[in-house]
Protein backbone atom coordinates (compact mmCIF):
# COMPACT_ATOMS: atom_id res chain seq x y z
CA MET A 1 41.10 4.87 70.47
CA SER A 2 42.43 5.96 67.10
CA ARG A 3 40.51 8.36 64.88
CA ARG A 4 40.36 9.03 61.17
CA VAL A 5 41.65 12.56 60.54
CA LEU A 6 41.63 14.53 57.29
CA VAL A 7 44.87 16.52 57.02
CA ALA A 8 44.99 19.59 54.79
CA MET A 9 48.38 19.28 53.08
CA SER A 10 49.45 22.42 51.23
CA GLY A 11 52.88 21.09 50.31
CA GLY A 12 54.63 23.19 52.97
CA VAL A 13 56.61 22.09 56.00
CA ASP A 14 53.94 22.98 58.59
CA SER A 15 51.18 20.84 57.10
CA SER A 16 53.70 18.07 56.34
CA VAL A 17 54.67 17.86 60.01
CA ALA A 18 51.01 18.12 61.03
CA ALA A 19 50.33 15.01 58.93
CA ALA A 20 53.35 13.26 60.46
CA LEU A 21 52.23 14.03 64.01
CA VAL A 22 48.70 12.79 63.35
CA HIS A 23 50.16 9.58 61.92
CA GLU A 24 52.67 9.17 64.76
CA ARG A 25 50.04 9.32 67.47
CA GLY A 26 48.25 6.38 65.91
CA ASP A 27 45.40 8.09 64.08
CA GLU A 28 44.61 7.34 60.44
CA ALA A 29 45.76 10.41 58.54
CA VAL A 30 44.13 11.10 55.16
CA GLY A 31 46.00 13.82 53.29
CA VAL A 32 44.13 16.22 51.01
CA THR A 33 45.61 19.02 48.92
CA MET A 34 43.13 21.65 47.80
CA LYS A 35 43.50 22.84 44.23
CA LEU A 36 42.20 26.37 44.55
CA LEU A 37 43.15 27.88 41.20
CA ALA A 38 42.13 26.48 37.83
CA ARG A 39 45.66 27.30 36.62
CA ALA A 40 47.82 27.30 39.73
CA GLU A 41 51.28 27.57 38.22
CA THR A 42 51.99 30.68 40.27
CA GLY A 43 50.38 29.73 43.58
CA PHE A 44 52.45 30.48 46.67
CA GLY A 45 51.97 27.54 49.02
CA CYS A 46 48.21 27.27 49.44
CA CYS A 47 46.60 27.28 46.04
CA GLY A 48 47.62 23.82 44.89
CA SER A 49 50.29 24.56 42.29
CA PRO A 50 51.71 21.46 40.56
CA ALA A 51 54.96 21.69 42.56
CA ASP A 52 53.10 21.93 45.89
CA VAL A 53 50.78 19.06 45.00
CA ASP A 54 53.82 16.95 44.17
CA ASP A 55 55.55 17.86 47.45
CA ALA A 56 52.43 16.93 49.43
CA LYS A 57 52.11 13.66 47.55
CA ARG A 58 55.76 12.72 48.17
CA VAL A 59 55.43 13.52 51.89
CA ALA A 60 52.33 11.35 52.10
CA GLU A 61 54.19 8.50 50.39
CA LYS A 62 57.10 8.93 52.84
CA LEU A 63 54.69 8.75 55.78
CA GLY A 64 52.71 5.86 54.31
CA ILE A 65 49.37 7.66 54.30
CA LYS A 66 46.73 8.19 51.63
CA HIS A 67 46.74 11.41 49.64
CA TYR A 68 44.09 13.01 47.44
CA VAL A 69 43.67 16.26 45.51
CA SER A 70 40.35 18.08 45.81
CA ASP A 71 39.41 20.61 43.14
CA MET A 72 37.85 23.55 44.98
CA ALA A 73 38.67 26.24 42.40
CA GLU A 74 35.05 27.22 41.79
CA VAL A 75 34.30 27.61 45.49
CA PHE A 76 37.55 29.52 46.04
CA ALA A 77 36.74 31.94 43.23
CA ASP A 78 33.27 32.56 44.64
CA LYS A 79 34.07 32.72 48.36
CA VAL A 80 37.56 34.25 48.41
CA ILE A 81 38.70 35.85 45.14
CA ARG A 82 35.44 37.65 44.25
CA PRO A 83 35.05 39.24 47.72
CA TYR A 84 38.75 40.18 47.62
CA LEU A 85 38.23 42.05 44.35
CA ASP A 86 35.00 43.65 45.54
CA ALA A 87 36.72 44.89 48.69
CA TYR A 88 39.52 46.64 46.82
CA LEU A 89 37.08 48.08 44.28
CA GLY A 90 35.00 49.34 47.22
CA GLY A 91 37.90 51.04 48.96
CA THR A 92 38.59 48.57 51.78
CA THR A 93 41.49 46.23 52.53
CA PRO A 94 40.43 42.56 52.47
CA ASN A 95 41.81 39.68 54.51
CA PRO A 96 41.46 36.65 52.21
CA CYS A 97 43.07 34.19 54.65
CA VAL A 98 40.22 34.71 57.13
CA GLU A 99 37.62 33.89 54.50
CA CYS A 100 39.61 30.94 53.16
CA ASN A 101 39.75 29.40 56.64
CA ARG A 102 36.04 30.03 57.18
CA SER A 103 34.74 28.87 53.81
CA LEU A 104 37.33 26.40 52.52
CA LYS A 105 39.48 24.78 55.19
CA PHE A 106 36.75 24.60 57.82
CA GLY A 107 33.82 24.87 55.47
CA HIS A 108 33.97 22.67 52.40
CA LEU A 109 36.94 20.65 53.66
CA LEU A 110 35.11 19.94 56.92
CA ALA A 111 32.08 18.77 54.93
CA LEU A 112 34.38 16.51 52.90
CA ALA A 113 35.84 15.10 56.10
CA GLU A 114 32.39 14.26 57.43
CA ALA A 115 31.48 12.59 54.14
CA TRP A 116 34.62 10.46 54.37
CA GLY A 117 33.99 9.47 57.96
CA CYS A 118 36.81 11.61 59.37
CA GLU A 119 36.33 12.86 62.91
CA ALA A 120 38.58 15.91 62.61
CA VAL A 121 40.35 18.23 60.18
CA ALA A 122 44.04 18.87 60.91
CA THR A 123 45.99 21.78 59.43
CA GLY A 124 49.44 23.26 59.82
CA HIS A 125 48.18 26.42 61.54
CA TYR A 126 50.03 27.71 64.56
CA ALA A 127 47.09 27.77 66.98
CA ARG A 128 45.54 25.57 69.65
CA VAL A 129 42.08 24.40 70.69
CA LYS A 130 40.99 23.60 74.23
CA ASP A 131 37.45 22.49 75.09
CA GLY A 132 36.12 23.89 71.83
CA LYS A 133 37.84 27.26 72.37
CA LEU A 134 40.48 28.73 70.07
CA MET A 135 43.81 29.67 71.65
CA ARG A 136 46.98 31.35 70.53
CA SER A 137 49.93 29.10 69.67
CA LEU A 138 52.81 28.65 72.09
CA ASP A 139 55.12 30.35 69.59
CA PRO A 140 54.02 34.02 69.64
CA LYS A 141 56.08 34.81 66.55
CA LYS A 142 54.14 32.31 64.44
CA ASP A 143 50.69 32.56 66.04
CA GLN A 144 47.91 32.40 63.42
CA SER A 145 44.87 32.55 65.68
CA TYR A 146 44.10 35.99 64.19
CA PHE A 147 43.17 34.33 60.88
CA LEU A 148 40.98 31.69 62.57
CA TYR A 149 38.72 33.87 64.73
CA SER A 150 35.74 33.31 62.41
CA LEU A 151 35.55 29.57 63.16
CA GLU A 152 32.43 28.73 65.13
CA GLU A 153 32.38 26.26 68.02
CA LYS A 154 31.12 23.40 65.82
CA ALA A 155 34.16 23.79 63.54
CA LEU A 156 36.54 24.25 66.46
CA ARG A 157 35.43 20.98 68.01
CA LYS A 158 36.52 19.27 64.77
CA ALA A 159 39.71 21.33 64.38
CA ASP A 160 43.14 19.81 65.06
CA PHE A 161 46.31 21.96 65.07
CA PRO A 162 49.18 19.51 65.70
CA VAL A 163 51.99 22.10 65.37
CA GLY A 164 50.32 24.69 67.61
CA SER A 165 52.46 23.72 70.59
CA LEU A 166 55.73 23.83 68.62
CA SER A 167 58.03 26.58 67.40
CA LYS A 168 58.89 26.92 63.72
CA ASP A 169 62.42 25.71 64.45
CA GLU A 170 61.00 22.60 66.16
CA VAL A 171 58.73 21.95 63.19
CA ARG A 172 61.63 22.11 60.73
CA ALA A 173 63.76 19.92 63.01
CA LYS A 174 60.99 17.33 63.10
CA ALA A 175 60.70 17.39 59.31
CA ARG A 176 64.46 16.86 58.97
CA GLU A 177 64.36 14.02 61.48
CA LEU A 178 61.70 12.31 59.38
CA GLY A 179 63.48 13.02 56.11
CA LEU A 180 60.60 15.02 54.65
CA ARG A 181 61.41 16.87 51.43
CA THR A 182 59.64 20.00 52.69
CA ALA A 183 61.91 20.39 55.75
CA ASP A 184 63.77 23.43 54.42
CA LYS A 185 61.19 24.64 51.96
CA PRO A 186 60.88 28.44 52.19
CA GLU A 187 57.55 29.93 53.17
CA SER A 188 55.86 32.84 51.48
CA MET A 189 53.97 35.67 53.14
CA GLU A 190 52.29 36.63 49.88
CA THR A 191 48.61 36.34 49.02
CA CYS A 192 48.72 33.00 47.26
CA PHE A 193 46.62 33.95 44.24
CA VAL A 194 48.21 37.36 43.53
CA PRO A 195 51.41 36.98 41.45
CA ASN A 196 54.39 39.15 42.37
CA ARG A 197 52.42 41.01 45.08
CA ASP A 198 50.91 43.14 42.32
CA VAL A 199 47.55 43.84 43.92
CA LYS A 200 46.61 46.68 41.59
CA GLY A 201 47.54 44.63 38.52
CA PHE A 202 45.52 41.67 39.76
CA VAL A 203 42.49 43.82 40.50
CA ALA A 204 42.81 45.61 37.15
CA ALA A 205 42.96 42.30 35.29
CA HIS A 206 39.60 41.30 36.78
CA ALA A 207 37.78 44.64 36.67
CA GLU A 208 36.30 46.91 34.04
CA ALA A 209 38.49 49.66 32.67
CA ASN A 210 38.50 52.81 34.84
CA ALA A 211 36.65 51.01 37.62
CA PRO A 212 36.95 52.51 41.11
CA GLY A 213 40.08 51.12 42.66
CA ILE A 214 42.23 51.18 39.54
CA ALA A 215 41.49 54.56 37.92
CA PRO A 216 43.72 57.54 38.82
CA GLY A 217 42.22 60.18 41.08
CA PRO A 218 42.95 63.07 43.43
CA ILE A 219 45.06 62.94 46.58
CA ARG A 220 43.73 65.39 49.18
CA ASP A 221 44.70 66.35 52.67
CA VAL A 222 42.21 66.09 55.53
CA ASN A 223 41.05 69.66 54.84
CA GLY A 224 40.20 68.92 51.21
CA LYS A 225 43.21 70.53 49.53
CA GLU A 226 44.39 68.62 46.47
CA LEU A 227 48.04 67.60 46.74
CA GLY A 228 48.51 65.35 43.73
CA ARG A 229 47.17 62.30 41.89
CA HIS A 230 47.07 58.66 42.92
CA THR A 231 47.43 55.70 40.55
CA GLY A 232 44.40 53.73 41.77
CA LEU A 233 42.95 53.17 45.25
CA ALA A 234 43.73 49.44 45.10
CA SER A 235 47.39 50.40 45.53
CA TYR A 236 46.80 51.85 49.01
CA THR A 237 45.67 50.91 52.50
CA VAL A 238 45.09 52.96 55.64
CA GLY A 239 48.34 53.81 57.42
CA GLN A 240 50.52 53.37 54.35
CA ARG A 241 53.18 56.01 53.66
CA ALA A 242 51.80 58.04 50.76
CA GLY A 243 55.17 59.12 49.34
CA LEU A 244 54.12 62.44 47.84
CA ALA A 245 56.67 64.34 45.79
CA GLY A 246 57.30 67.86 47.01
CA ILE A 247 55.75 67.31 50.45
CA LYS A 248 58.27 67.76 53.24
CA GLU A 249 56.15 66.32 56.02
CA ALA A 250 55.51 62.57 56.15
CA ALA A 251 52.05 61.84 54.69
CA TYR A 252 50.07 58.71 55.48
CA VAL A 253 46.87 57.30 54.03
CA VAL A 254 44.06 58.35 56.37
CA ARG A 255 41.15 56.93 54.41
CA LEU A 256 39.97 55.98 50.93
CA GLU A 257 36.87 57.60 49.43
CA PRO A 258 35.74 55.38 46.53
CA GLU A 259 32.67 57.52 45.83
CA GLU A 260 34.94 60.34 44.68
CA ASN A 261 37.90 58.06 43.87
CA ALA A 262 39.90 60.18 46.32
CA LEU A 263 42.82 59.32 48.58
CA ILE A 264 42.88 61.28 51.83
CA VAL A 265 46.27 61.74 53.49
CA GLY A 266 47.57 63.38 56.64
CA GLY A 267 50.29 63.42 59.24
CA ALA A 268 50.97 60.66 61.75
CA PRO A 269 48.37 61.89 64.30
CA ALA A 270 45.62 61.61 61.66
CA ILE A 271 45.94 57.82 61.42
CA MET A 272 45.50 57.22 65.15
CA SER A 273 42.11 55.92 66.27
CA GLY A 274 40.68 55.78 69.77
CA ALA A 275 37.80 53.52 68.71
CA ILE A 276 36.65 51.33 65.82
CA GLN A 277 33.30 50.04 64.60
CA VAL A 278 33.20 46.29 63.95
CA GLY A 279 30.64 44.22 62.04
CA ARG A 280 30.09 40.64 60.86
CA ILE A 281 31.03 39.40 64.31
CA ASN A 282 31.67 35.80 65.29
CA PHE A 283 31.70 35.48 69.09
CA ASN A 284 32.43 32.29 71.00
CA GLY A 285 32.23 33.81 74.46
CA GLU A 286 29.14 34.48 76.56
CA ARG A 287 27.14 37.07 74.65
CA ASN A 288 24.77 38.63 77.20
CA GLY A 289 24.56 42.11 75.76
CA ARG A 290 26.78 43.68 78.41
CA ALA A 291 29.99 45.51 77.58
CA PHE A 292 33.17 43.59 78.34
CA ARG A 293 36.91 44.07 78.29
CA ALA A 294 39.39 42.26 76.06
CA SER A 295 42.69 42.72 74.28
CA VAL A 296 42.05 43.52 70.62
CA ARG A 297 44.33 42.83 67.66
CA ILE A 298 43.60 44.92 64.55
CA ARG A 299 46.09 43.24 62.19
CA HIS A 300 48.20 40.11 62.26
CA ARG A 301 51.40 41.61 63.68
CA HIS A 302 49.64 44.07 65.97
CA GLU A 303 50.20 43.67 69.71
CA PRO A 304 46.71 43.15 71.20
CA ALA A 305 45.59 46.37 72.87
CA PRO A 306 43.28 46.63 75.92
CA ALA A 307 39.81 47.91 75.12
CA GLU A 308 36.15 47.90 76.12
CA ILE A 309 33.78 46.25 73.65
CA VAL A 310 30.24 47.62 73.58
CA TRP A 311 27.57 45.75 71.65
CA THR A 312 25.53 47.66 69.05
CA PRO A 313 22.55 46.60 66.89
CA ASN A 314 24.88 46.00 63.92
CA GLY A 315 27.99 44.73 65.69
CA ALA A 316 30.18 46.37 68.30
CA ASN A 317 32.17 49.46 69.13
CA VAL A 318 35.71 48.85 70.37
CA ASN A 319 36.93 51.65 72.63
CA PHE A 320 40.70 51.42 73.15
CA ASP A 321 42.38 52.47 76.36
CA SER A 322 44.90 54.34 74.21
CA PRO A 323 44.77 55.28 70.48
CA GLN A 324 45.88 52.65 67.99
CA ARG A 325 47.64 53.16 64.68
CA ALA A 326 45.79 52.82 61.37
CA PRO A 327 42.90 50.37 61.77
CA ALA A 328 42.04 49.54 58.17
CA PRO A 329 38.41 48.95 57.11
CA GLY A 330 38.09 45.40 55.81
CA GLN A 331 40.71 43.94 58.15
CA ALA A 332 39.83 41.83 61.18
CA ALA A 333 39.58 42.96 64.79
CA VAL A 334 40.08 39.92 67.03
CA PHE A 335 39.18 39.81 70.74
CA TYR A 336 41.47 37.98 73.19
CA ASP A 337 41.18 36.98 76.84
CA ASN A 338 44.84 36.20 77.56
CA ASP A 339 45.55 33.25 75.21
CA PHE A 340 41.89 32.53 74.41
CA VAL A 341 40.18 33.96 71.33
CA LEU A 342 36.72 35.23 72.21
CA GLY A 343 35.85 36.10 68.63
CA GLY A 344 36.14 39.06 66.32
CA GLY A 345 34.75 40.80 63.28
CA THR A 346 35.45 43.04 60.32
CA ILE A 347 36.61 46.61 60.89
CA LEU A 348 34.07 48.99 59.37
CA ARG A 349 35.72 52.28 60.27
CA GLY A 350 38.06 53.93 62.73
CA GLU A 351 37.16 56.90 64.90
CA PRO A 352 39.71 59.71 65.49
């Protein structure tokens, strides 16, 4: 029996093929492009720039499906951009894609789908769902399950990832076969609302003058010795090469101290952590209070590392079998059981 499926169409090749696959299998595909910025001339693939809206519209016309534009700029500013700015001003490294998936794609868009009588929301994410459980995609190079860990079971039962069993090459080949204008459209790895990857400039444009995060301050080693001056904490993240003039040894960002507007640096051993504290946890496995083992990914391209997860009153401690490089507060720690995503949370701090 066919279903009515809302398809999030960003104007890129992945969501274009997702819409095509939904349509091909006999479901009624309803395309929606989210306009996430009030002035989206510089959006990079997700924010609903005029060019991306037009691409999505032309693909929908080619497929013979309906297409709409939904203005979600106010929600996006509140749920994604404001927390992004607050994180950098507070000395942590945000992950806006996680919050966008939680609040927009499978928050407000899911509510819109229900209002329109759609039984599912399809996106171009490289991931899979089985029996209400999130899984990694078949293409390990494109897997995006890391950014979807925050989806609860209710959302996962409505989630549809048509390209999750395909490789990127297969997706592009399918788009060419169908004559879709997005077939060879380049993809961007940039944060869609930050022009030219200028994080500090973006934060500065939305913050008070000399606010923590953008004001210069001291660079110190782990023993407290001042080595130089930084140009604003929003320019740095844990594990980044500090690039200090006159320092022969390689120096890496160990931590940010927004209270003193200080950047703490050290050698490679100083950024290794044997354990991390994790909060704001979403867990889709059996939560019985007992410690359990899982493979844990601490950033998108990180190879999941074996660890023991111990529940705490405010979240969990993740104790790695071997030290891991540069877990950054604000990023996600995602728990895997082979290909299944058990859940995850926000890294609060790393332990030496």
